[in-house]
Amino acid sequence: MNKVVSASVGGRKFSFDEDAYERLSDYFRHFKSRLRMDSQASSDEVMSEIERRVAEIFAQATGGQYNRAVDYDMVMRAVEQLGMPDGSAEPADGAAGTDGNADAEYGGEPDFSYSGIQGNCKRKLFRDKDNKAIAGVCAGLAVYFDIDTTIIRVVTLLVCLLWGTGLIFYLVMMIVTPAAKTPYEKCLMHGLKPTAENMAKFSSNK
C-alpha cells in the first residue's frame, strides 16, 4: 500500500500517493530542465504558473477534498495535458503513458471544443496590457473578436467624438474587464489551450 505524502503545489495543499508525488517531482524537474529563459526570474515565473495550473487540475480531480489523495493516474493526466515547455516529449525516465482518452475521462476539465483562428480553446475577454494604448480595452476586444486593433480604436474614437457614449463604454469596460497578467490568462485571451508550451510563449522575457 502506498504511503500518503502531504505537499503544497501552486499554493494549495494536497495529499499524494507516494508514487504520484515522485512522478510529479520528476515532471517538474524535467519541465525546468527544458526551459530556455534569459533570466532566473523568467524561469521562476513560468514554474510558478505551471504549478498553479497543476494545482487547479488536481483540485478539479479531487473535488477540492484534501483527504482524497492525488493518485498516479491523476498526475499522468495532468502531465500529458500540459506537456513540456518546448513541445517536445518528456525524458524517458519519467514518461509512463496513459491511453489517448485521458482528457475525456478527466472530469471537470475546461471545454476546449471551440476551434478558432488563434487556437483550440474558448477565448475569454481580457484587457490586453501588452498592446495597450491606455488601459488595453481596445486591444483586448480586438483579440477577442479577431479584428485589427486599429479598427477597434478608430470606432471607439468616433463614437466618443460623435456621441460621447464611447467614453462611458470604455470606462465601464476598463473597470469590469480584468487584465491578462499571467501566461495562463494570456493563453485564454488568445484562444490557446493552456499547455506548458503555450504558456511559455507569454513569459516575461518575450
N, C-alpha and C. Protein backbone atom coordinates (compact mmCIF):
# COMPACT_ATOMS: atom_id res chain seq x y z
N MET A 1 0.85 -1.20 0.00
CA MET A 1 0.00 0.00 0.00
C MET A 1 0.88 1.24 0.00
N ASN A 2 0.53 2.21 -0.87
CA ASN A 2 1.31 3.43 -0.97
C ASN A 2 1.22 4.27 0.29
N LYS A 3 2.35 4.87 0.66
CA LYS A 3 2.33 5.87 1.72
C LYS A 3 1.69 7.14 1.17
N VAL A 4 1.10 7.94 2.05
CA VAL A 4 0.48 9.20 1.65
C VAL A 4 1.42 10.33 2.03
N VAL A 5 1.66 11.22 1.07
CA VAL A 5 2.55 12.36 1.26
C VAL A 5 1.72 13.64 1.21
N SER A 6 1.95 14.53 2.15
CA SER A 6 1.29 15.84 2.15
C SER A 6 2.26 16.87 1.58
N ALA A 7 1.79 17.63 0.58
CA ALA A 7 2.68 18.60 -0.05
C ALA A 7 1.86 19.75 -0.62
N SER A 8 2.52 20.88 -0.82
CA SER A 8 1.89 22.07 -1.38
C SER A 8 2.28 22.22 -2.85
N VAL A 9 1.30 22.47 -3.71
CA VAL A 9 1.54 22.70 -5.13
C VAL A 9 0.78 23.95 -5.54
N GLY A 10 1.47 24.91 -6.07
CA GLY A 10 0.81 26.13 -6.51
C GLY A 10 0.08 26.85 -5.40
N GLY A 11 0.59 26.75 -4.18
CA GLY A 11 -0.04 27.42 -3.05
C GLY A 11 -1.21 26.68 -2.44
N ARG A 12 -1.49 25.45 -2.90
CA ARG A 12 -2.58 24.64 -2.36
C ARG A 12 -2.01 23.36 -1.77
N LYS A 13 -2.61 22.89 -0.69
CA LYS A 13 -2.16 21.65 -0.06
C LYS A 13 -2.92 20.45 -0.61
N PHE A 14 -2.17 19.38 -0.87
CA PHE A 14 -2.76 18.15 -1.37
C PHE A 14 -2.14 16.96 -0.66
N SER A 15 -2.90 15.88 -0.63
CA SER A 15 -2.36 14.58 -0.20
C SER A 15 -2.06 13.78 -1.47
N PHE A 16 -0.91 13.14 -1.51
CA PHE A 16 -0.49 12.37 -2.67
C PHE A 16 -0.17 10.93 -2.27
N ASP A 17 -0.51 9.99 -3.15
CA ASP A 17 0.11 8.69 -3.05
C ASP A 17 1.60 8.88 -3.32
N GLU A 18 2.43 8.10 -2.65
CA GLU A 18 3.87 8.32 -2.74
C GLU A 18 4.39 8.24 -4.18
N ASP A 19 3.92 7.26 -4.95
CA ASP A 19 4.40 7.14 -6.33
C ASP A 19 3.92 8.32 -7.19
N ALA A 20 2.73 8.86 -6.87
CA ALA A 20 2.21 10.02 -7.60
C ALA A 20 3.06 11.26 -7.32
N TYR A 21 3.45 11.42 -6.06
CA TYR A 21 4.27 12.58 -5.72
C TYR A 21 5.65 12.49 -6.37
N GLU A 22 6.22 11.31 -6.41
CA GLU A 22 7.52 11.12 -7.06
C GLU A 22 7.42 11.41 -8.55
N ARG A 23 6.33 10.98 -9.17
CA ARG A 23 6.13 11.25 -10.60
C ARG A 23 5.98 12.74 -10.87
N LEU A 24 5.23 13.44 -10.00
CA LEU A 24 5.06 14.88 -10.15
C LEU A 24 6.40 15.60 -9.99
N SER A 25 7.20 15.18 -9.02
CA SER A 25 8.52 15.79 -8.81
C SER A 25 9.40 15.59 -10.04
N ASP A 26 9.32 14.40 -10.66
CA ASP A 26 10.07 14.14 -11.89
C ASP A 26 9.63 15.09 -13.00
N TYR A 27 8.31 15.28 -13.11
CA TYR A 27 7.78 16.16 -14.15
C TYR A 27 8.29 17.58 -13.98
N PHE A 28 8.19 18.11 -12.77
CA PHE A 28 8.67 19.47 -12.54
C PHE A 28 10.17 19.60 -12.83
N ARG A 29 10.94 18.57 -12.48
CA ARG A 29 12.39 18.60 -12.74
C ARG A 29 12.66 18.59 -14.24
N HIS A 30 11.95 17.72 -14.97
CA HIS A 30 12.12 17.66 -16.42
C HIS A 30 11.66 18.96 -17.07
N PHE A 31 10.54 19.49 -16.57
CA PHE A 31 10.00 20.73 -17.13
C PHE A 31 11.02 21.87 -17.00
N LYS A 32 11.58 22.03 -15.81
CA LYS A 32 12.53 23.12 -15.57
C LYS A 32 13.78 22.96 -16.42
N SER A 33 14.20 21.71 -16.66
CA SER A 33 15.40 21.48 -17.46
C SER A 33 15.19 21.87 -18.92
N ARG A 34 13.94 21.92 -19.38
CA ARG A 34 13.65 22.26 -20.77
C ARG A 34 13.38 23.75 -20.97
N LEU A 35 13.30 24.52 -19.90
CA LEU A 35 13.04 25.95 -20.04
C LEU A 35 14.27 26.63 -20.62
N ARG A 36 14.03 27.50 -21.60
CA ARG A 36 15.12 28.30 -22.17
C ARG A 36 14.79 29.76 -21.92
N MET A 37 15.21 30.24 -20.77
CA MET A 37 14.87 31.59 -20.36
C MET A 37 16.13 32.45 -20.24
N ASP A 38 15.95 33.76 -20.43
CA ASP A 38 17.08 34.67 -20.34
C ASP A 38 17.46 35.00 -18.91
N SER A 39 16.58 34.71 -17.97
CA SER A 39 16.87 35.06 -16.58
C SER A 39 16.22 34.06 -15.65
N GLN A 40 16.72 33.99 -14.43
CA GLN A 40 16.14 33.12 -13.42
C GLN A 40 14.72 33.57 -13.07
N ALA A 41 14.51 34.90 -13.12
CA ALA A 41 13.18 35.43 -12.80
C ALA A 41 12.14 34.91 -13.78
N SER A 42 12.49 34.86 -15.07
CA SER A 42 11.56 34.36 -16.08
C SER A 42 11.27 32.88 -15.86
N SER A 43 12.30 32.12 -15.53
CA SER A 43 12.14 30.69 -15.26
C SER A 43 11.22 30.47 -14.07
N ASP A 44 11.43 31.25 -13.02
CA ASP A 44 10.61 31.13 -11.81
C ASP A 44 9.16 31.48 -12.10
N GLU A 45 8.93 32.48 -12.98
CA GLU A 45 7.56 32.88 -13.32
C GLU A 45 6.83 31.73 -14.01
N VAL A 46 7.49 31.09 -14.98
CA VAL A 46 6.86 30.00 -15.70
C VAL A 46 6.62 28.81 -14.78
N MET A 47 7.59 28.51 -13.92
CA MET A 47 7.42 27.39 -12.99
C MET A 47 6.26 27.65 -12.03
N SER A 48 6.14 28.87 -11.55
CA SER A 48 5.03 29.21 -10.65
C SER A 48 3.70 29.06 -11.37
N GLU A 49 3.65 29.48 -12.63
CA GLU A 49 2.42 29.40 -13.40
C GLU A 49 2.04 27.95 -13.66
N ILE A 50 3.02 27.11 -14.00
CA ILE A 50 2.70 25.71 -14.28
C ILE A 50 2.26 25.00 -13.01
N GLU A 51 2.85 25.35 -11.87
CA GLU A 51 2.42 24.75 -10.60
C GLU A 51 0.99 25.16 -10.27
N ARG A 52 0.63 26.43 -10.52
CA ARG A 52 -0.74 26.87 -10.27
C ARG A 52 -1.72 26.12 -11.17
N ARG A 53 -1.32 25.90 -12.40
CA ARG A 53 -2.19 25.18 -13.33
C ARG A 53 -2.36 23.72 -12.90
N VAL A 54 -1.26 23.08 -12.48
CA VAL A 54 -1.33 21.70 -11.98
C VAL A 54 -2.25 21.64 -10.76
N ALA A 55 -2.12 22.64 -9.87
CA ALA A 55 -2.96 22.67 -8.67
C ALA A 55 -4.44 22.77 -9.04
N GLU A 56 -4.77 23.57 -10.06
CA GLU A 56 -6.16 23.68 -10.49
C GLU A 56 -6.68 22.33 -11.00
N ILE A 57 -5.84 21.64 -11.76
CA ILE A 57 -6.24 20.33 -12.29
C ILE A 57 -6.48 19.34 -11.16
N PHE A 58 -5.58 19.32 -10.17
CA PHE A 58 -5.74 18.41 -9.04
C PHE A 58 -6.98 18.75 -8.22
N ALA A 59 -7.23 20.05 -8.03
CA ALA A 59 -8.40 20.47 -7.26
C ALA A 59 -9.68 20.02 -7.93
N GLN A 60 -9.73 20.10 -9.26
CA GLN A 60 -10.90 19.63 -10.00
C GLN A 60 -11.04 18.11 -9.90
N ALA A 61 -9.91 17.41 -9.99
CA ALA A 61 -9.94 15.95 -9.98
C ALA A 61 -10.35 15.39 -8.62
N THR A 62 -9.97 16.09 -7.55
CA THR A 62 -10.28 15.60 -6.20
C THR A 62 -11.54 16.23 -5.64
N GLY A 63 -12.15 17.12 -6.39
CA GLY A 63 -13.35 17.80 -5.90
C GLY A 63 -13.06 18.72 -4.74
N GLY A 64 -11.79 19.15 -4.62
CA GLY A 64 -11.41 20.06 -3.54
C GLY A 64 -11.33 19.40 -2.18
N GLN A 65 -11.37 18.07 -2.14
CA GLN A 65 -11.33 17.34 -0.87
C GLN A 65 -9.88 17.02 -0.51
N TYR A 66 -9.40 17.64 0.54
CA TYR A 66 -8.00 17.44 0.93
C TYR A 66 -7.72 15.99 1.32
N ASN A 67 -8.71 15.31 1.88
CA ASN A 67 -8.50 13.93 2.32
C ASN A 67 -8.53 12.92 1.18
N ARG A 68 -8.83 13.37 -0.03
CA ARG A 68 -8.78 12.50 -1.20
C ARG A 68 -7.41 12.63 -1.84
N ALA A 69 -6.63 11.57 -1.83
CA ALA A 69 -5.26 11.64 -2.30
C ALA A 69 -5.19 11.72 -3.83
N VAL A 70 -4.25 12.52 -4.30
CA VAL A 70 -3.94 12.57 -5.73
C VAL A 70 -3.20 11.29 -6.07
N ASP A 71 -3.72 10.52 -7.04
CA ASP A 71 -3.07 9.26 -7.37
C ASP A 71 -2.23 9.40 -8.63
N TYR A 72 -1.56 8.31 -9.00
CA TYR A 72 -0.63 8.32 -10.13
C TYR A 72 -1.34 8.68 -11.43
N ASP A 73 -2.54 8.16 -11.65
CA ASP A 73 -3.27 8.43 -12.88
C ASP A 73 -3.61 9.91 -13.01
N MET A 74 -3.99 10.54 -11.89
CA MET A 74 -4.29 11.97 -11.92
C MET A 74 -3.06 12.77 -12.34
N VAL A 75 -1.91 12.40 -11.80
CA VAL A 75 -0.66 13.10 -12.15
C VAL A 75 -0.35 12.91 -13.63
N MET A 76 -0.50 11.68 -14.12
CA MET A 76 -0.19 11.40 -15.52
C MET A 76 -1.11 12.18 -16.46
N ARG A 77 -2.36 12.32 -16.09
CA ARG A 77 -3.28 13.08 -16.93
C ARG A 77 -2.89 14.55 -16.97
N ALA A 78 -2.49 15.09 -15.84
CA ALA A 78 -2.03 16.48 -15.80
C ALA A 78 -0.76 16.66 -16.62
N VAL A 79 0.16 15.72 -16.48
CA VAL A 79 1.43 15.77 -17.20
C VAL A 79 1.19 15.71 -18.71
N GLU A 80 0.32 14.81 -19.15
CA GLU A 80 0.05 14.68 -20.58
C GLU A 80 -0.72 15.88 -21.12
N GLN A 81 -1.56 16.48 -20.30
CA GLN A 81 -2.31 17.65 -20.74
C GLN A 81 -1.40 18.85 -20.92
N LEU A 82 -0.45 19.05 -20.01
CA LEU A 82 0.39 20.24 -20.04
C LEU A 82 1.65 20.06 -20.89
N GLY A 83 2.29 18.90 -20.80
CA GLY A 83 3.46 18.65 -21.63
C GLY A 83 4.69 19.43 -21.21
N MET A 84 5.65 19.52 -22.12
CA MET A 84 6.91 20.22 -21.90
C MET A 84 6.85 21.63 -22.49
N PRO A 85 7.65 22.57 -21.99
CA PRO A 85 7.56 23.96 -22.45
C PRO A 85 7.97 24.15 -23.90
N ASP A 86 8.80 23.25 -24.44
CA ASP A 86 9.22 23.38 -25.84
C ASP A 86 8.43 22.48 -26.78
N GLY A 87 7.39 21.82 -26.25
CA GLY A 87 6.56 20.97 -27.08
C GLY A 87 7.14 19.60 -27.36
N SER A 88 8.34 19.31 -26.83
CA SER A 88 8.97 18.02 -27.06
C SER A 88 8.44 16.98 -26.08
N ALA A 89 8.84 15.73 -26.30
CA ALA A 89 8.45 14.66 -25.39
C ALA A 89 9.24 14.77 -24.09
N GLU A 90 8.63 14.33 -23.01
CA GLU A 90 9.32 14.33 -21.72
C GLU A 90 10.40 13.25 -21.73
N PRO A 91 11.54 13.47 -21.06
CA PRO A 91 12.59 12.45 -20.99
C PRO A 91 12.05 11.10 -20.56
N ALA A 92 12.65 10.05 -21.09
CA ALA A 92 12.12 8.70 -20.96
C ALA A 92 12.05 8.19 -19.53
N ASP A 93 12.88 8.71 -18.63
CA ASP A 93 12.89 8.16 -17.28
C ASP A 93 11.64 8.49 -16.50
N GLY A 94 10.78 9.40 -17.03
CA GLY A 94 9.55 9.72 -16.30
C GLY A 94 8.31 9.63 -17.15
N ALA A 95 8.46 9.14 -18.38
CA ALA A 95 7.34 9.23 -19.32
C ALA A 95 6.56 7.93 -19.42
N ALA A 96 5.82 7.60 -18.38
CA ALA A 96 4.87 6.49 -18.48
C ALA A 96 3.61 7.03 -19.09
N GLY A 97 2.99 6.30 -19.99
CA GLY A 97 1.85 6.84 -20.73
C GLY A 97 0.52 6.33 -20.21
N THR A 98 -0.52 7.04 -20.61
CA THR A 98 -1.89 6.57 -20.39
C THR A 98 -2.56 6.53 -21.74
N ASP A 99 -3.74 6.05 -21.80
CA ASP A 99 -4.38 5.94 -23.11
C ASP A 99 -4.79 7.30 -23.64
N GLY A 100 -5.09 7.35 -24.94
CA GLY A 100 -5.37 8.62 -25.60
C GLY A 100 -6.66 9.26 -25.17
N ASN A 101 -7.46 8.60 -24.34
CA ASN A 101 -8.73 9.17 -23.92
C ASN A 101 -8.66 9.84 -22.57
N ALA A 102 -7.45 10.18 -22.14
CA ALA A 102 -7.28 10.75 -20.79
C ALA A 102 -8.08 12.02 -20.61
N ASP A 103 -8.06 12.90 -21.63
CA ASP A 103 -8.77 14.16 -21.49
C ASP A 103 -10.26 13.94 -21.33
N ALA A 104 -10.80 12.98 -22.06
CA ALA A 104 -12.24 12.72 -21.98
C ALA A 104 -12.63 12.14 -20.64
N GLU A 105 -11.71 11.34 -20.03
CA GLU A 105 -12.03 10.69 -18.77
C GLU A 105 -11.79 11.62 -17.58
N TYR A 106 -11.05 12.67 -17.82
CA TYR A 106 -10.63 13.50 -16.70
C TYR A 106 -11.70 14.53 -16.39
N GLY A 107 -12.59 14.22 -15.46
CA GLY A 107 -13.76 15.03 -15.19
C GLY A 107 -13.42 16.43 -14.70
N GLY A 108 -14.30 17.38 -15.05
CA GLY A 108 -14.16 18.73 -14.54
C GLY A 108 -13.21 19.61 -15.32
N GLU A 109 -12.62 19.11 -16.43
CA GLU A 109 -11.70 19.93 -17.21
C GLU A 109 -12.45 20.96 -18.04
N PRO A 110 -11.81 22.10 -18.36
CA PRO A 110 -12.45 23.09 -19.20
C PRO A 110 -12.81 22.51 -20.57
N ASP A 111 -13.81 23.08 -21.22
CA ASP A 111 -14.23 22.63 -22.54
C ASP A 111 -13.38 23.32 -23.60
N PHE A 112 -12.59 22.55 -24.32
CA PHE A 112 -11.73 23.12 -25.35
C PHE A 112 -12.29 22.85 -26.75
N SER A 113 -13.60 22.78 -26.88
CA SER A 113 -14.21 22.38 -28.13
C SER A 113 -14.14 23.47 -29.20
N TYR A 114 -14.05 24.73 -28.82
CA TYR A 114 -14.02 25.81 -29.80
C TYR A 114 -12.72 25.78 -30.59
N SER A 115 -12.82 25.83 -31.90
CA SER A 115 -11.63 25.82 -32.74
C SER A 115 -11.56 27.14 -33.48
N GLY A 116 -10.79 28.07 -32.96
CA GLY A 116 -10.70 29.40 -33.53
C GLY A 116 -9.39 29.62 -34.25
N ILE A 117 -9.23 30.79 -34.85
CA ILE A 117 -8.04 31.11 -35.63
C ILE A 117 -6.80 31.08 -34.75
N GLN A 118 -6.92 31.53 -33.51
CA GLN A 118 -5.76 31.64 -32.64
C GLN A 118 -5.48 30.38 -31.84
N GLY A 119 -6.27 29.32 -31.99
CA GLY A 119 -6.00 28.13 -31.20
C GLY A 119 -7.22 27.24 -31.10
N ASN A 120 -7.27 26.41 -30.08
CA ASN A 120 -8.39 25.46 -29.97
C ASN A 120 -9.06 25.55 -28.62
N CYS A 121 -9.11 26.74 -28.05
CA CYS A 121 -9.72 26.95 -26.75
C CYS A 121 -10.70 28.10 -26.84
N LYS A 122 -11.72 28.08 -26.00
CA LYS A 122 -12.65 29.20 -25.96
C LYS A 122 -11.91 30.47 -25.54
N ARG A 123 -12.04 31.51 -26.31
CA ARG A 123 -11.42 32.77 -25.94
C ARG A 123 -12.17 33.40 -24.77
N LYS A 124 -11.44 34.10 -23.93
CA LYS A 124 -12.04 34.82 -22.83
C LYS A 124 -11.61 36.28 -22.94
N LEU A 125 -12.53 37.18 -22.64
CA LEU A 125 -12.24 38.60 -22.79
C LEU A 125 -11.40 39.12 -21.63
N PHE A 126 -10.25 39.68 -21.96
CA PHE A 126 -9.37 40.34 -21.00
C PHE A 126 -8.92 41.66 -21.61
N ARG A 127 -8.41 42.54 -20.77
CA ARG A 127 -7.70 43.71 -21.29
C ARG A 127 -6.28 43.29 -21.65
N ASP A 128 -5.84 43.66 -22.84
CA ASP A 128 -4.51 43.28 -23.32
C ASP A 128 -3.53 44.41 -23.01
N LYS A 129 -2.90 44.34 -21.85
CA LYS A 129 -2.00 45.42 -21.41
C LYS A 129 -0.66 45.38 -22.13
N ASP A 130 -0.34 44.26 -22.80
CA ASP A 130 0.91 44.19 -23.55
C ASP A 130 0.86 45.06 -24.80
N ASN A 131 -0.35 45.30 -25.31
CA ASN A 131 -0.51 46.10 -26.52
C ASN A 131 -1.42 47.31 -26.28
N LYS A 132 -1.42 47.79 -25.06
CA LYS A 132 -2.35 48.86 -24.69
C LYS A 132 -1.93 50.21 -25.24
N ALA A 133 -2.94 51.06 -25.46
CA ALA A 133 -2.71 52.47 -25.72
C ALA A 133 -3.01 53.26 -24.45
N ILE A 134 -4.11 52.85 -23.77
CA ILE A 134 -4.46 53.47 -22.49
C ILE A 134 -4.55 52.39 -21.41
N ALA A 135 -5.58 51.56 -21.50
CA ALA A 135 -5.76 50.51 -20.49
C ALA A 135 -5.87 49.11 -21.09
N GLY A 136 -5.77 49.01 -22.41
CA GLY A 136 -5.81 47.70 -23.04
C GLY A 136 -7.19 47.19 -23.40
N VAL A 137 -8.22 48.06 -23.28
CA VAL A 137 -9.59 47.62 -23.59
C VAL A 137 -9.74 47.32 -25.07
N CYS A 138 -9.33 48.25 -25.92
CA CYS A 138 -9.47 48.06 -27.36
C CYS A 138 -8.63 46.89 -27.85
N ALA A 139 -7.41 46.77 -27.31
CA ALA A 139 -6.53 45.68 -27.71
C ALA A 139 -7.14 44.33 -27.32
N GLY A 140 -7.76 44.29 -26.13
CA GLY A 140 -8.40 43.06 -25.69
C GLY A 140 -9.60 42.69 -26.54
N LEU A 141 -10.42 43.70 -26.90
CA LEU A 141 -11.57 43.45 -27.77
C LEU A 141 -11.13 42.96 -29.15
N ALA A 142 -10.03 43.52 -29.64
CA ALA A 142 -9.51 43.12 -30.95
C ALA A 142 -9.09 41.66 -30.95
N VAL A 143 -8.45 41.22 -29.88
CA VAL A 143 -8.06 39.82 -29.77
C VAL A 143 -9.29 38.93 -29.67
N TYR A 144 -10.24 39.33 -28.85
CA TYR A 144 -11.44 38.51 -28.61
C TYR A 144 -12.24 38.31 -29.89
N PHE A 145 -12.41 39.39 -30.68
CA PHE A 145 -13.22 39.31 -31.90
C PHE A 145 -12.38 39.06 -33.15
N ASP A 146 -11.06 38.93 -32.97
CA ASP A 146 -10.14 38.69 -34.09
C ASP A 146 -10.25 39.78 -35.15
N ILE A 147 -10.17 41.04 -34.67
CA ILE A 147 -10.24 42.22 -35.54
C ILE A 147 -8.98 43.04 -35.31
N ASP A 148 -8.55 43.74 -36.32
CA ASP A 148 -7.38 44.60 -36.18
C ASP A 148 -7.61 45.64 -35.08
N THR A 149 -6.61 45.81 -34.23
CA THR A 149 -6.74 46.74 -33.09
C THR A 149 -7.04 48.16 -33.55
N THR A 150 -6.44 48.57 -34.66
CA THR A 150 -6.64 49.93 -35.16
C THR A 150 -8.11 50.20 -35.47
N ILE A 151 -8.80 49.21 -36.03
CA ILE A 151 -10.22 49.38 -36.36
C ILE A 151 -11.04 49.61 -35.09
N ILE A 152 -10.77 48.81 -34.07
CA ILE A 152 -11.49 48.97 -32.79
C ILE A 152 -11.23 50.36 -32.21
N ARG A 153 -9.98 50.81 -32.27
CA ARG A 153 -9.63 52.12 -31.71
C ARG A 153 -10.29 53.25 -32.48
N VAL A 154 -10.32 53.15 -33.80
CA VAL A 154 -10.93 54.20 -34.62
C VAL A 154 -12.43 54.27 -34.33
N VAL A 155 -13.08 53.11 -34.28
CA VAL A 155 -14.53 53.09 -34.00
C VAL A 155 -14.81 53.68 -32.62
N THR A 156 -14.01 53.31 -31.63
CA THR A 156 -14.20 53.83 -30.28
C THR A 156 -14.02 55.34 -30.25
N LEU A 157 -12.99 55.83 -30.96
CA LEU A 157 -12.74 57.27 -31.00
C LEU A 157 -13.89 58.01 -31.67
N LEU A 158 -14.40 57.48 -32.78
CA LEU A 158 -15.52 58.12 -33.48
C LEU A 158 -16.77 58.18 -32.61
N VAL A 159 -17.05 57.09 -31.92
CA VAL A 159 -18.23 57.07 -31.03
C VAL A 159 -18.06 58.09 -29.92
N CYS A 160 -16.83 58.21 -29.40
CA CYS A 160 -16.57 59.20 -28.34
C CYS A 160 -16.79 60.62 -28.85
N LEU A 161 -16.29 60.91 -30.05
CA LEU A 161 -16.37 62.27 -30.60
C LEU A 161 -17.78 62.63 -31.03
N LEU A 162 -18.50 61.68 -31.64
CA LEU A 162 -19.81 61.99 -32.20
C LEU A 162 -20.94 61.92 -31.18
N TRP A 163 -20.89 60.95 -30.28
CA TRP A 163 -22.00 60.78 -29.33
C TRP A 163 -21.57 60.87 -27.87
N GLY A 164 -20.33 60.64 -27.58
CA GLY A 164 -19.86 60.71 -26.20
C GLY A 164 -20.09 59.45 -25.40
N THR A 165 -20.90 58.53 -25.95
CA THR A 165 -21.16 57.28 -25.21
C THR A 165 -19.97 56.34 -25.23
N GLY A 166 -19.08 56.51 -26.21
CA GLY A 166 -17.91 55.65 -26.30
C GLY A 166 -17.03 55.75 -25.08
N LEU A 167 -16.93 56.97 -24.52
CA LEU A 167 -16.10 57.18 -23.34
C LEU A 167 -16.68 56.43 -22.14
N ILE A 168 -18.00 56.49 -21.99
CA ILE A 168 -18.67 55.77 -20.90
C ILE A 168 -18.44 54.27 -21.05
N PHE A 169 -18.61 53.78 -22.29
CA PHE A 169 -18.40 52.36 -22.56
C PHE A 169 -16.97 51.96 -22.22
N TYR A 170 -16.02 52.78 -22.63
CA TYR A 170 -14.61 52.46 -22.37
C TYR A 170 -14.32 52.40 -20.88
N LEU A 171 -14.84 53.37 -20.13
CA LEU A 171 -14.60 53.41 -18.69
C LEU A 171 -15.22 52.20 -17.99
N VAL A 172 -16.44 51.82 -18.44
CA VAL A 172 -17.09 50.65 -17.85
C VAL A 172 -16.28 49.40 -18.14
N MET A 173 -15.83 49.25 -19.40
CA MET A 173 -15.04 48.08 -19.77
C MET A 173 -13.71 48.05 -19.02
N MET A 174 -13.14 49.20 -18.79
CA MET A 174 -11.87 49.28 -18.07
C MET A 174 -12.03 48.80 -16.63
N ILE A 175 -13.21 49.05 -16.05
CA ILE A 175 -13.47 48.66 -14.66
C ILE A 175 -13.83 47.18 -14.54
N VAL A 176 -14.70 46.72 -15.44
CA VAL A 176 -15.25 45.36 -15.28
C VAL A 176 -14.41 44.27 -15.96
N THR A 177 -13.56 44.63 -16.90
CA THR A 177 -12.78 43.62 -17.63
C THR A 177 -11.41 43.45 -16.97
N PRO A 178 -11.08 42.25 -16.55
CA PRO A 178 -9.76 42.03 -15.93
C PRO A 178 -8.64 42.10 -16.96
N ALA A 179 -7.46 42.46 -16.51
CA ALA A 179 -6.29 42.46 -17.38
C ALA A 179 -5.68 41.06 -17.41
N ALA A 180 -5.19 40.66 -18.58
CA ALA A 180 -4.48 39.39 -18.70
C ALA A 180 -3.06 39.59 -18.19
N LYS A 181 -2.78 39.04 -17.01
CA LYS A 181 -1.48 39.26 -16.39
C LYS A 181 -0.59 38.02 -16.45
N THR A 182 -1.16 36.86 -16.22
CA THR A 182 -0.35 35.64 -16.15
C THR A 182 -0.32 34.96 -17.52
N PRO A 183 0.68 34.11 -17.76
CA PRO A 183 0.71 33.35 -19.02
C PRO A 183 -0.55 32.53 -19.25
N TYR A 184 -1.13 31.99 -18.19
CA TYR A 184 -2.36 31.21 -18.31
C TYR A 184 -3.50 32.09 -18.83
N GLU A 185 -3.66 33.30 -18.28
CA GLU A 185 -4.72 34.21 -18.71
C GLU A 185 -4.50 34.67 -20.15
N LYS A 186 -3.23 34.87 -20.54
CA LYS A 186 -2.93 35.30 -21.91
C LYS A 186 -3.24 34.20 -22.91
N CYS A 187 -3.04 32.95 -22.51
CA CYS A 187 -3.43 31.84 -23.38
C CYS A 187 -4.94 31.86 -23.61
N LEU A 188 -5.71 32.02 -22.55
CA LEU A 188 -7.17 32.05 -22.67
C LEU A 188 -7.62 33.25 -23.52
N MET A 189 -6.96 34.38 -23.37
CA MET A 189 -7.31 35.57 -24.14
C MET A 189 -7.11 35.33 -25.64
N HIS A 190 -6.05 34.63 -26.00
CA HIS A 190 -5.74 34.38 -27.41
C HIS A 190 -6.38 33.12 -27.96
N GLY A 191 -7.13 32.41 -27.13
CA GLY A 191 -7.77 31.20 -27.60
C GLY A 191 -6.82 30.03 -27.74
N LEU A 192 -5.77 30.03 -26.94
CA LEU A 192 -4.81 28.94 -26.95
C LEU A 192 -5.04 28.03 -25.76
N LYS A 193 -5.00 26.74 -26.00
CA LYS A 193 -5.11 25.79 -24.91
C LYS A 193 -3.92 26.02 -23.96
N PRO A 194 -4.18 26.14 -22.65
CA PRO A 194 -3.09 26.50 -21.72
C PRO A 194 -2.15 25.34 -21.41
N THR A 195 -1.43 24.89 -22.43
CA THR A 195 -0.40 23.88 -22.23
C THR A 195 0.88 24.58 -21.78
N ALA A 196 1.83 23.80 -21.32
CA ALA A 196 3.10 24.37 -20.89
C ALA A 196 3.79 25.10 -22.03
N GLU A 197 3.76 24.52 -23.23
CA GLU A 197 4.41 25.14 -24.38
C GLU A 197 3.81 26.51 -24.69
N ASN A 198 2.47 26.59 -24.67
CA ASN A 198 1.81 27.86 -24.97
C ASN A 198 2.03 28.89 -23.88
N MET A 199 1.97 28.47 -22.61
CA MET A 199 2.19 29.42 -21.52
C MET A 199 3.61 29.98 -21.54
N ALA A 200 4.58 29.16 -21.96
CA ALA A 200 5.96 29.63 -22.03
C ALA A 200 6.13 30.76 -23.05
N LYS A 201 5.24 30.82 -24.05
CA LYS A 201 5.31 31.88 -25.05
C LYS A 201 5.03 33.25 -24.46
N PHE A 202 4.33 33.28 -23.33
CA PHE A 202 3.93 34.55 -22.72
C PHE A 202 4.72 34.86 -21.45
N SER A 203 5.88 34.26 -21.28
CA SER A 203 6.73 34.58 -20.12
C SER A 203 7.25 36.00 -20.28
N SER A 204 7.75 36.57 -19.20
CA SER A 204 8.10 38.00 -19.19
C SER A 204 9.27 38.35 -20.07
N ASN A 205 10.02 37.35 -20.57
CA ASN A 205 11.17 37.68 -21.40
C ASN A 205 10.82 37.72 -22.87
N LYS A 206 9.56 37.51 -23.20
CA LYS A 206 9.18 37.53 -24.60
C LYS A 206 8.94 38.95 -25.07
